[in-house]
Protein backbone atom coordinates (compact mmCIF):
# COMPACT_ATOMS: atom_id res chain seq x y z
CA MET A 1 0.11 0.03 0.04
CA THR A 2 1.30 3.38 -0.98
CA ARG A 3 1.63 5.99 1.88
CA PHE A 4 1.71 9.84 1.54
CA CYS A 5 2.82 12.54 3.84
CA SER A 6 0.10 15.22 4.73
CA ILE A 7 -1.36 17.52 1.99
CA LEU A 8 0.34 20.63 3.60
CA ASN A 9 3.56 18.74 3.42
CA GLN A 10 3.09 17.86 -0.12
CA THR A 11 2.14 21.52 -0.81
CA LEU A 12 5.33 22.80 0.95
CA GLN A 13 7.45 20.48 -1.36
CA ILE A 14 6.39 22.47 -4.62
CA PHE A 15 9.49 24.73 -3.74
CA PRO A 16 12.73 22.86 -2.94
CA ARG A 17 13.68 23.43 0.61
CA ARG A 18 17.46 23.95 -0.40
CA GLU A 19 16.28 26.85 -2.22
CA PHE A 20 14.64 28.22 0.85
CA GLN A 21 17.66 27.92 3.02
CA ARG A 22 19.72 29.61 -0.05
CA LEU A 23 17.50 32.75 0.51
CA VAL A 24 17.76 32.48 4.29
CA ASP A 25 21.42 32.52 3.97
CA GLU A 26 21.49 35.38 1.22
CA THR A 27 19.37 37.59 3.37
CA LYS A 28 20.92 36.71 6.72
CA ALA A 29 17.60 36.06 8.18
CA GLU A 30 18.69 33.88 11.04
CA ARG A 31 21.50 36.07 12.03
CA HIS A 32 21.48 36.20 15.77
CA ALA A 33 18.63 33.63 15.76
CA ARG A 34 18.68 31.08 18.79
CA GLY A 35 16.59 27.66 17.93
CA PHE A 36 13.65 29.55 16.33
CA LYS A 37 14.37 28.90 12.35
CA SER A 38 12.97 30.82 9.51
CA TRP A 39 11.43 27.54 8.09
CA ASP A 40 9.53 27.24 11.31
CA GLN A 41 8.10 30.85 11.12
CA PHE A 42 7.18 30.43 7.37
CA VAL A 43 5.24 27.31 8.15
CA ALA A 44 3.61 29.24 10.95
CA MET A 45 2.63 31.92 8.68
CA LEU A 46 1.57 29.85 5.83
CA PHE A 47 -0.55 27.82 8.42
CA SER A 48 -2.43 31.08 9.33
CA HIS A 49 -3.47 32.00 5.88
CA LEU A 50 -4.15 28.56 4.78
CA ALA A 51 -6.18 27.59 8.14
CA ASP A 52 -7.47 30.86 8.51
CA ALA A 53 -5.87 31.41 12.23
CA ASN A 54 -7.05 34.87 13.32
CA SER A 55 -4.49 35.08 16.19
CA LEU A 56 -1.09 34.12 17.63
CA ARG A 57 -2.87 31.77 20.03
CA GLU A 58 -4.99 30.03 17.11
CA ILE A 59 -1.70 29.73 15.09
CA CYS A 60 0.41 28.29 17.92
CA GLY A 61 -2.09 26.42 19.32
CA GLY A 62 -3.34 24.86 16.12
CA LEU A 63 0.38 23.61 15.24
CA ALA A 64 1.01 22.37 18.65
CA SER A 65 -2.28 20.26 18.51
CA CYS A 66 -0.85 18.30 15.73
CA GLU A 67 2.79 18.17 16.61
CA GLY A 68 3.26 14.67 15.50
CA ARG A 69 2.21 15.68 11.95
CA LEU A 70 4.11 18.62 12.10
CA SER A 71 7.48 16.98 12.70
CA GLN A 72 7.12 15.72 9.12
CA LEU A 73 7.48 19.23 7.75
CA GLY A 74 10.84 19.66 9.52
CA ALA A 75 9.26 22.31 11.68
CA ARG A 76 8.08 22.74 15.31
CA ALA A 77 5.05 24.59 16.98
CA PRO A 78 6.41 27.91 18.15
CA ALA A 79 5.40 29.71 21.23
CA ARG A 80 3.40 33.00 20.91
CA ALA A 81 6.04 35.17 22.10
CA THR A 82 8.57 33.68 19.93
CA LEU A 83 6.53 34.04 16.52
CA ALA A 84 5.46 37.47 17.57
CA TYR A 85 9.15 38.50 17.94
CA ALA A 86 10.40 36.94 14.82
CA ASN A 87 7.65 38.53 12.80
CA GLY A 88 8.42 42.01 14.11
CA HIS A 89 12.43 41.71 13.97
CA ARG A 90 13.31 38.98 11.45
CA ASN A 91 14.09 40.24 7.86
CA TRP A 92 10.91 40.45 5.61
CA GLN A 93 13.00 40.60 2.47
CA LEU A 94 13.33 36.84 2.70
CA PHE A 95 9.79 36.30 2.09
CA GLU A 96 9.92 38.98 -0.73
CA LYS A 97 12.76 36.87 -2.40
CA LEU A 98 10.81 33.69 -1.79
CA PHE A 99 7.72 34.90 -3.49
CA TYR A 100 9.71 35.98 -6.73
CA ALA A 101 11.67 32.71 -6.83
CA LEU A 102 8.44 30.66 -6.43
CA TYR A 103 6.77 32.65 -9.36
CA ASP A 104 9.79 31.73 -11.44
CA HIS A 105 9.26 28.17 -10.49
CA CYS A 106 5.42 28.06 -11.13
CA ARG A 107 5.91 30.07 -14.53
CA ARG A 108 8.46 27.68 -15.77
CA ASP A 109 6.40 24.57 -14.54
CA LEU A 110 3.01 25.73 -16.03
CA GLY A 111 4.46 26.99 -19.31
CA LEU A 112 1.22 28.94 -20.01
CA ASN A 113 0.43 31.60 -22.51
CA CYS A 114 -2.35 34.09 -22.27
CA LYS A 115 -5.70 33.49 -24.33
CA PHE A 116 -4.83 35.93 -27.15
CA LYS A 117 -3.11 35.04 -30.36
CA PHE A 118 -0.25 37.54 -29.90
CA LYS A 119 2.95 36.08 -28.45
CA ASN A 120 3.80 39.45 -26.27
CA PRO A 121 3.66 39.17 -22.36
CA LEU A 122 0.25 40.60 -21.30
CA LEU A 123 0.35 42.45 -17.79
CA SER A 124 -1.76 44.56 -15.71
CA ILE A 125 -0.86 46.77 -12.96
CA ASP A 126 -3.10 48.23 -10.47
CA SER A 127 -3.23 48.76 -6.54
CA THR A 128 -5.55 47.99 -3.69
CA HIS A 129 -5.93 49.79 -0.48
CA ILE A 130 -5.81 48.38 2.96
CA SER A 131 -7.12 50.59 5.74
CA LEU A 132 -5.21 50.90 9.13
CA CYS A 133 -5.80 52.60 12.42
CA SER A 134 -3.37 55.78 12.24
CA GLU A 135 -3.18 55.38 16.32
CA MET A 136 -2.19 51.63 16.18
CA PHE A 137 -0.10 52.03 13.03
CA PRO A 138 1.53 55.61 13.23
CA TRP A 139 4.12 54.61 10.48
CA ALA A 140 1.31 54.26 7.88
CA SER A 141 -0.71 57.54 8.53
CA TYR A 142 -1.30 59.77 5.60
CA SER A 143 -3.84 62.21 7.48
CA ARG A 144 -4.44 63.13 10.79
CA GLN A 145 -7.10 60.38 11.47
CA LYS A 146 -6.22 57.85 8.57
CA GLY A 147 -3.75 55.25 7.97
CA ALA A 148 -3.18 52.76 4.96
CA VAL A 149 -1.02 50.51 3.15
CA LYS A 150 -1.19 50.03 -0.70
CA LEU A 151 -0.33 46.87 -2.56
CA HIS A 152 0.79 47.78 -6.15
CA PHE A 153 0.48 44.61 -7.98
CA THR A 154 1.35 43.39 -11.40
CA LEU A 155 -0.71 40.59 -12.76
CA ASP A 156 0.50 38.04 -15.42
CA HIS A 157 -2.46 37.29 -17.56
CA ALA A 158 -0.90 33.93 -18.64
CA GLY A 159 -2.26 31.76 -15.83
CA TYR A 160 -3.42 35.02 -13.88
CA LEU A 161 -0.56 34.77 -11.56
CA PRO A 162 0.84 37.72 -9.45
CA ALA A 163 3.92 38.57 -10.96
CA ALA A 164 5.24 41.40 -8.84
CA MET A 165 3.96 43.25 -5.73
CA VAL A 166 5.31 46.75 -3.96
CA VAL A 167 3.92 47.58 -0.58
CA ALA A 168 3.83 51.42 0.08
CA THR A 169 2.04 53.47 2.48
CA GLY A 170 -1.00 55.48 1.72
CA LYS A 171 0.87 58.52 0.84
CA ILE A 172 2.48 57.16 -2.37
CA GLY A 173 0.38 56.97 -5.25
CA GLU A 174 0.14 54.58 -8.08
CA LEU A 175 1.90 56.45 -10.79
CA THR A 176 4.88 57.11 -8.52
CA ILE A 177 5.48 53.35 -8.01
CA ALA A 178 4.68 52.72 -11.83
CA ARG A 179 7.42 55.00 -12.87
CA ARG A 180 10.08 53.13 -10.80
CA GLN A 181 9.11 49.92 -12.57
CA ARG A 182 10.79 48.36 -15.50
CA TRP A 183 9.26 45.67 -18.09
CA GLU A 184 11.12 43.79 -20.78
CA PRO A 185 10.87 45.37 -24.38
CA GLY A 186 7.45 43.86 -26.26
CA THR A 187 5.47 43.68 -22.93
CA ILE A 188 1.93 44.79 -23.19
CA LEU A 189 1.07 46.77 -20.04
CA MET A 190 -2.64 47.64 -19.26
CA PHE A 191 -3.78 50.01 -16.60
CA ASP A 192 -6.67 52.27 -16.03
CA ARG A 193 -6.91 56.20 -16.47
CA GLY A 194 -4.99 56.92 -12.82
CA TYR A 195 -1.83 56.20 -14.59
CA ILE A 196 -1.94 58.58 -17.42
CA ASP A 197 1.15 60.66 -17.72
CA PHE A 198 2.43 61.42 -21.01
CA ALA A 199 6.10 61.76 -20.10
CA TRP A 200 5.52 58.41 -18.54
CA PHE A 201 4.10 57.01 -21.71
CA GLN A 202 7.21 58.37 -23.90
CA ARG A 203 9.55 56.48 -21.67
CA LEU A 204 7.49 53.46 -22.07
CA THR A 205 7.64 53.80 -25.89
CA ASP A 206 11.29 54.43 -25.91
CA SER A 207 11.92 51.12 -24.00
CA GLY A 208 9.65 49.19 -26.38
CA VAL A 209 6.89 48.56 -24.10
CA TRP A 210 3.40 48.90 -25.32
CA PHE A 211 0.49 50.22 -23.14
CA ILE A 212 -3.21 50.17 -23.42
CA THR A 213 -5.70 52.63 -21.13
CA ARG A 214 -8.71 54.24 -21.35
CA VAL A 215 -9.23 57.78 -22.86
CA ARG A 216 -9.62 60.57 -20.20
CA ALA A 217 -12.29 63.10 -20.57
CA ASP A 218 -10.22 66.12 -20.63
CA MET A 219 -7.54 64.83 -22.96
CA GLN A 220 -7.50 66.97 -26.17
CA TYR A 221 -6.01 65.36 -29.39
CA LYS A 222 -5.53 66.14 -33.19
CA ILE A 223 -6.99 63.67 -35.48
CA VAL A 224 -4.28 62.62 -38.37
CA GLU A 225 -5.88 59.50 -39.82
CA THR A 226 -9.30 57.70 -39.44
CA THR A 227 -10.45 54.25 -40.18
CA GLU A 228 -13.91 53.19 -39.83
CA LEU A 229 -14.86 49.45 -39.44
CA GLU A 230 -17.80 47.28 -38.51
CA LYS A 231 -17.47 44.25 -36.36
CA GLY A 232 -20.47 42.12 -35.35
CA GLY A 233 -22.66 44.86 -36.73
CA LEU A 234 -21.33 47.24 -34.38
CA PRO A 235 -19.37 50.51 -35.39
CA VAL A 236 -15.47 50.64 -34.65
CA MET A 237 -13.57 53.55 -35.14
CA ASP A 238 -9.65 53.42 -35.33
CA GLN A 239 -7.80 56.95 -35.25
CA ARG A 240 -3.95 57.89 -35.30
CA VAL A 241 -3.78 61.08 -33.33
CA HIS A 242 -1.34 63.64 -31.98
CA ILE A 243 -1.75 65.13 -28.18
CA LEU A 244 -2.50 68.50 -27.94
CA GLY A 245 -1.79 71.17 -25.11
CA ARG A 246 1.49 72.90 -24.60
CA ARG A 247 2.98 70.57 -21.94
CA ARG A 248 1.47 67.38 -23.22
CA SER A 249 2.60 67.71 -26.70
CA LYS A 250 6.17 68.24 -25.48
CA ARG A 251 5.93 65.27 -23.31
CA TYR A 252 4.71 62.90 -25.67
CA PRO A 253 5.28 64.32 -29.52
CA GLY A 254 4.77 61.06 -31.14
CA LEU A 255 1.84 59.49 -32.79
CA LEU A 256 -0.78 57.70 -30.44
CA ARG A 257 -3.71 55.51 -31.45
CA VAL A 258 -7.49 55.98 -30.34
CA VAL A 259 -9.74 53.12 -30.64
CA THR A 260 -13.55 53.75 -30.42
CA ILE A 261 -16.02 50.81 -29.76
CA GLN A 262 -19.73 50.89 -29.28
CA LYS A 263 -21.57 48.41 -27.37
CA PRO A 264 -24.97 47.02 -28.41
CA ASP A 265 -26.74 49.06 -25.67
CA GLY A 266 -25.16 52.20 -27.02
CA GLU A 267 -22.36 52.82 -24.41
CA ILE A 268 -19.02 53.82 -26.05
CA PHE A 269 -15.58 52.93 -25.12
CA GLN A 270 -12.32 54.71 -26.08
CA PHE A 271 -9.04 53.13 -25.64
CA LEU A 272 -5.48 54.86 -25.88
CA THR A 273 -2.51 53.08 -26.99
CA ASN A 274 1.09 53.23 -28.68
CA ASN A 275 0.52 49.87 -30.55
CA MET A 276 -0.21 50.40 -34.18
CA ARG A 277 -0.25 46.66 -35.29
CA LEU A 278 -2.95 44.81 -32.99
CA ALA A 279 -6.64 44.77 -34.44
CA PRO A 280 -8.81 47.21 -32.71
CA THR A 281 -11.03 44.46 -31.46
CA THR A 282 -7.97 42.90 -30.07
CA ILE A 283 -7.10 45.83 -27.93
CA ALA A 284 -10.61 46.01 -26.69
CA ALA A 285 -10.64 42.48 -25.82
CA ALA A 286 -7.41 42.68 -24.00
CA TYR A 287 -8.34 45.74 -22.06
CA LYS A 288 -11.52 43.91 -20.93
CA ASP A 289 -9.26 41.07 -19.77
CA ARG A 290 -8.02 43.64 -17.50
CA TRP A 291 -10.91 43.23 -15.11
CA GLU A 292 -8.98 40.00 -14.04
CA ILE A 293 -6.94 42.02 -11.67
CA GLU A 294 -10.00 43.62 -10.03
CA SER A 295 -11.06 39.90 -9.30
CA PHE A 296 -7.77 38.96 -8.13
CA PHE A 297 -7.84 41.76 -5.35
CA LYS A 298 -11.42 40.38 -4.37
CA VAL A 299 -10.41 37.01 -3.92
CA LEU A 300 -7.06 38.08 -2.01
CA LYS A 301 -8.96 39.98 0.57
CA GLN A 302 -11.75 37.44 0.93
CA ASN A 303 -9.62 34.39 1.29
CA LEU A 304 -6.31 35.55 3.05
CA ARG A 305 -5.51 37.20 6.25
CA ILE A 306 -4.53 40.30 4.72
CA LYS A 307 -7.01 43.03 6.13
CA SER A 308 -6.06 42.72 9.93
CA PHE A 309 -2.78 41.84 11.48
CA LEU A 310 -1.15 40.07 14.24
CA SER A 311 1.17 42.83 15.04
CA THR A 312 1.35 46.56 14.33
CA SER A 313 5.08 46.94 13.61
CA PRO A 314 6.07 47.71 9.80
CA ASN A 315 8.21 44.34 9.63
CA ALA A 316 5.35 42.15 10.98
CA VAL A 317 2.78 43.71 8.70
CA LEU A 318 5.19 43.13 5.61
CA THR A 319 5.95 39.81 6.70
CA GLN A 320 2.22 38.84 6.89
CA ILE A 321 1.47 40.54 3.44
CA TRP A 322 4.37 38.70 1.63
CA THR A 323 3.30 35.31 3.17
CA ALA A 324 -0.24 35.79 2.13
CA VAL A 325 0.77 36.61 -1.43
CA ILE A 326 2.84 33.59 -1.21
CA ALA A 327 0.16 31.59 0.04
CA MET A 328 -2.09 32.88 -2.77
CA LEU A 329 0.33 32.14 -5.31
CA LEU A 330 0.50 28.33 -4.24
CA VAL A 331 -3.12 27.76 -4.17
CA ARG A 332 -3.32 29.46 -7.59
CA TYR A 333 -0.49 27.27 -8.89
CA LEU A 334 -2.61 24.15 -7.53
CA GLN A 335 -5.96 25.62 -9.26
CA VAL A 336 -4.15 25.88 -12.70
CA LYS A 337 -2.63 22.47 -12.37
CA ALA A 338 -5.67 20.43 -11.16
CA ARG A 339 -8.00 18.72 -13.90
CA TYR A 340 -10.77 19.36 -11.72
CA ASN A 341 -12.60 22.67 -12.21
CA TRP A 342 -11.78 24.23 -8.88
CA SER A 343 -12.83 27.92 -8.09
CA PHE A 344 -10.22 29.58 -5.94
CA SER A 345 -12.71 30.12 -3.00
CA ASN A 346 -13.86 26.50 -3.14
CA LEU A 347 -10.23 25.33 -3.18
CA MET A 348 -9.23 27.24 -0.30
CA TYR A 349 -12.06 25.96 1.72
CA PHE A 350 -11.51 22.22 0.93
CA LEU A 351 -7.75 22.81 1.34
CA ARG A 352 -8.26 24.24 4.77
CA MET A 353 -10.18 21.16 5.93
CA ASN A 354 -7.73 18.64 4.47
CA LEU A 355 -4.41 20.19 5.61
CA PHE A 356 -3.10 17.40 7.55
CA VAL A 357 -4.73 14.47 5.61
CA TYR A 358 -2.55 11.81 4.56
CA ARG A 359 -3.48 11.42 0.88
CA ASP A 360 -1.91 11.98 -2.45
CA LEU A 361 -2.09 15.81 -3.29
CA TRP A 362 -2.68 15.38 -7.11
CA GLU A 363 -5.07 12.62 -6.83
CA TRP A 364 -7.19 14.55 -4.31
CA LEU A 365 -6.98 17.74 -6.65
CA HIS A 366 -8.01 15.91 -9.68
CA ASN A 367 -10.91 13.67 -8.03
CA PRO A 368 -11.79 15.52 -4.76
CA PHE A 369 -14.90 13.60 -4.09
CA ILE A 370 -13.81 10.32 -4.89
CA PRO A 371 -12.20 8.12 -2.19
CA PRO A 372 -8.75 6.78 -2.82
CA ASN A 373 -8.09 3.13 -3.89
CA VAL A 374 -7.04 1.16 -0.78
CA THR A 375 -5.37 -2.09 -1.74
CA ASP A 376 -6.26 -5.07 0.43
CA PRO A 377 -3.54 -5.52 3.17
CA PRO A 378 -1.36 -8.67 3.04
CA THR A 379 -3.05 -11.25 4.60
CA GLN A 380 -1.24 -13.56 7.30
CA LEU A 381 -0.43 -17.10 6.09
CA VAL A 382 -1.71 -20.10 8.06
CA LEU A 383 1.29 -21.86 9.83
CA THR A 384 0.93 -25.55 9.97
CA TRP A 385 3.10 -28.13 11.72
CA ASN A 386 3.99 -31.62 10.40
């Protein structure tokens, strides 16, 4: 009879343990540590997200109650004070590097492409807001009574995996973070109208990055060329334009493209891009797919411990946020690889109920409601005496 370790153990084996230790040595996360290892901290924080443990007492008590099964993970249950101190003082950049290493591993293993015919990487950028109490989190305050952190995400549309994240306080806007980021030439980047900045558009164009966004109401432009089409009985207008305005025209003197599409209910959508090759309907369909990042934010906040925190220090908050995104990346990886049509919420729910069940992880993912095949145990032969 084939025996398996727990589902949590098999989930942790997706990323090699030796690579985790390499990142620990690289970030010096265990410098001055006495006994409590970074692996123990990671297992405890991952357990808090996957098991929906709401406090230090629930995390440490939940792990201590299954100590026999926890030993297979190479970890031990921490004391509450030990875990709180590690979250507050141990280098959170370990989990940032772990997230990017895990993303690269999942991306290579899945080998996915986006659903469109073009081969360019398709990315969406946006941010989500997490409100905090300014009295308890004074380092995150941006007004007299309000505090917040913003999670600036990049979503890869090949598998809808989170590809990058920047954590900042509420004072820093989305455009400030976007200006600091870099993308490979040929990437198609999608964002909403809050990111419109023509000097940044020029820099994207110079670096070979395509962008797609919506036209803002106050944007004035001069039409150079107009092509009228019809798709599915609906009018489509494709225009080449120059931006007007003394400052804007200097910031982006080149040619841009405005695609106007009318829906059956009469609503009009206008898209702005620097890509002159894609079909107008492809541009509209790609931007429609940008809604996946809004769904990503909704799933993240509903299923993971990211709106309330175990501690108030910046290091502990960053540790909890990065481990939450690691947990989401792991579950999303399992969701994509499973043959069963899981929704993310259902997979989280059933995974939460089966964390320490001894069963083949992939068999459970493919056939969650079919009991495993149990072979008959060997029978004892009858001993006879001559």
